[in-house]
Amino acid sequence: MKIVSILENQKIEKRIAITPEIAKKYISLDLEVCLSENYGSHLGIKDEEYKELGVAILKDEKEIINNADIIVQLGLLDDDKKFFIKRKSNIYWGFKPI
């Protein structure tokens, strides 16, 4: 099962839904984690830190969303990105930071 998150709209939300610590927990539960490129760079988290944990980092947000089983975001996806969601994806918005 693939859990994903893409970068939030930086004008509205600076936090991220999946930190390296949370990614590690998801991976320990046998979930495949996929994030957009430079996902946490604005917080000083490099893609390499995620990759070392086994997280897939992709450039194409359409591909990330379209192949997701679970989408985790703090805010709503932009309207142009909602069309990428496949029918059976589970979407979770508004998580509190852990």
Protein backbone atom coordinates (compact mmCIF):
# COMPACT_ATOMS: atom_id res chain seq x y z
CA MET A 1 0.00 0.00 0.00
CA LYS A 2 1.37 3.38 -1.01
CA ILE A 3 1.04 6.47 1.21
CA VAL A 4 1.99 9.79 -0.36
CA SER A 5 2.17 13.51 0.25
CA ILE A 6 3.04 16.44 -1.95
CA LEU A 7 4.31 19.86 -0.97
CA GLU A 8 1.64 22.11 0.48
CA ASN A 9 0.77 25.52 -0.95
CA GLN A 10 3.57 27.49 0.75
CA LYS A 11 1.48 30.68 0.88
CA ILE A 12 -1.02 28.89 3.14
CA GLU A 13 0.82 26.04 4.90
CA LYS A 14 4.53 25.75 5.72
CA ARG A 15 4.28 22.48 7.69
CA ILE A 16 4.55 19.02 6.16
CA ALA A 17 2.44 15.94 6.85
CA ILE A 18 5.27 13.38 6.65
CA THR A 19 8.50 14.12 8.50
CA PRO A 20 11.41 11.65 8.31
CA GLU A 21 10.36 10.28 11.72
CA ILE A 22 6.81 9.67 10.51
CA ALA A 23 8.08 8.18 7.23
CA LYS A 24 10.16 5.73 9.26
CA LYS A 25 7.03 4.68 11.20
CA TYR A 26 5.02 4.18 8.01
CA ILE A 27 7.81 2.11 6.46
CA SER A 28 7.99 -0.04 9.61
CA LEU A 29 4.29 -0.79 9.01
CA ASP A 30 5.19 -2.03 5.51
CA LEU A 31 3.74 1.00 3.77
CA GLU A 32 5.49 2.36 0.71
CA VAL A 33 6.09 6.11 1.15
CA CYS A 34 6.38 8.49 -1.79
CA LEU A 35 6.94 12.26 -1.59
CA SER A 36 7.39 15.09 -4.05
CA GLU A 37 10.88 16.39 -4.77
CA ASN A 38 12.14 18.99 -2.24
CA TYR A 39 9.21 18.09 0.03
CA GLY A 40 10.84 19.27 3.26
CA SER A 41 13.64 21.47 1.94
CA HIS A 42 12.03 24.68 3.25
CA LEU A 43 12.32 23.14 6.75
CA GLY A 44 15.93 22.05 6.25
CA ILE A 45 15.05 18.41 5.47
CA LYS A 46 16.88 17.16 2.39
CA ASP A 47 15.54 14.56 -0.01
CA GLU A 48 18.55 12.38 0.82
CA GLU A 49 17.36 12.07 4.42
CA TYR A 50 14.10 10.57 3.16
CA LYS A 51 15.83 8.39 0.57
CA GLU A 52 18.07 6.87 3.24
CA LEU A 53 14.89 5.65 4.97
CA GLY A 54 13.57 4.08 1.77
CA VAL A 55 11.18 6.85 0.70
CA ALA A 56 10.65 7.30 -3.03
CA ILE A 57 11.11 10.91 -4.18
CA LEU A 58 9.48 11.88 -7.47
CA LYS A 59 9.25 15.10 -9.49
CA ASP A 60 5.87 14.44 -11.07
CA GLU A 61 3.08 15.29 -8.59
CA LYS A 62 0.47 13.88 -10.98
CA GLU A 63 2.21 10.50 -10.88
CA ILE A 64 2.54 10.65 -7.09
CA ILE A 65 -1.15 11.39 -6.53
CA ASN A 66 -2.45 9.09 -9.25
CA ASN A 67 -0.57 6.07 -7.86
CA ALA A 68 -1.52 6.68 -4.22
CA ASP A 69 -3.62 4.43 -2.03
CA ILE A 70 -3.51 7.00 0.79
CA ILE A 71 -2.91 10.75 0.41
CA VAL A 72 -1.88 12.67 3.53
CA GLN A 73 -2.01 16.47 3.47
CA LEU A 74 -2.37 19.22 6.05
CA GLY A 75 -4.43 21.39 3.70
CA LEU A 76 -6.68 20.71 0.75
CA LEU A 77 -5.10 19.94 -2.58
CA ASP A 78 -5.19 22.75 -5.11
CA ASP A 79 -8.10 22.38 -7.53
CA ASP A 80 -5.82 21.52 -10.45
CA LYS A 81 -4.33 18.61 -8.46
CA LYS A 82 -7.63 17.11 -7.28
CA PHE A 83 -8.20 15.72 -10.76
CA PHE A 84 -5.16 13.43 -10.38
CA ILE A 85 -6.75 11.43 -7.54
CA LYS A 86 -7.80 7.93 -8.50
CA ARG A 87 -11.21 6.75 -7.37
CA LYS A 88 -10.19 4.40 -4.57
CA SER A 89 -7.63 6.63 -2.85
CA ASN A 90 -8.13 7.48 0.81
CA ILE A 91 -7.42 11.12 1.59
CA TYR A 92 -6.56 12.55 4.99
CA TRP A 93 -6.38 16.30 5.60
CA GLY A 94 -5.72 18.41 8.64
CA PHE A 95 -3.38 16.30 10.72
CA LYS A 96 -1.95 17.96 13.78
CA PRO A 97 1.87 17.94 13.89
CA ILE A 98 3.30 15.14 16.00
